[in-house]
Amino acid sequence: MLHPTAQVAVRTPLPVPRTSPASLFLSSEGAASTCHNDNSHGLVWQVQGVKTFHSYHNPDKHLSPEAAVLGETTAEDPPPHDEAQRQSVTMQPGDQLWSHALTPHWVTTESPLALSITLSHGGLSRRGRYADRELALRDHWDKNPAEAWSLDLGHTRY
């Protein structure tokens, strides 16, 4: 049985760097993730229950790409901010949401039980150009090759 405010992440083995066929997130009412960012882009699919995905209208005002690469996001609660700067999306069963790599965010659960699946992938580009946050990650890894591909699971509490 889950603790009343538990959130559990079940990850499949990572067969290819920065990709995961699926991460399952099962949580109970009142559960909240840490404020964090992921090194991969993610397509979140809400399967059961209700969750709210919180981020910012302009993430760069709250966390530079370089700070995100270093994991300066992770905290139990988001830093103080004006709620008008927050972008919150409440997800019902069947809803999907795209989360860009290195975007600070946190998730809360509003239903007795909620299940979501995240399909993650890194290295996506549009018309041959990577997003700024992807470029910051690649630049950091070029300068610190021992850290490449190893940071995704370094700042979780699950």
Foldseek 3Di string as FASTA:
>chain_A
DDDQQDKDKDFDDDPDFFWGQKIKIKGFAFHKWWFAFAQWKKKKAWAAAKKKKKAFPDQCVVANLLRLLVTVGGDRYGDDDDCVGMDIDMDHHGDIDIGHGSTTIMMHGHHRMTMMMMTTHADDDDPPHDDPSSVSNVVVCVVVVVCPSPCRPVRGDD
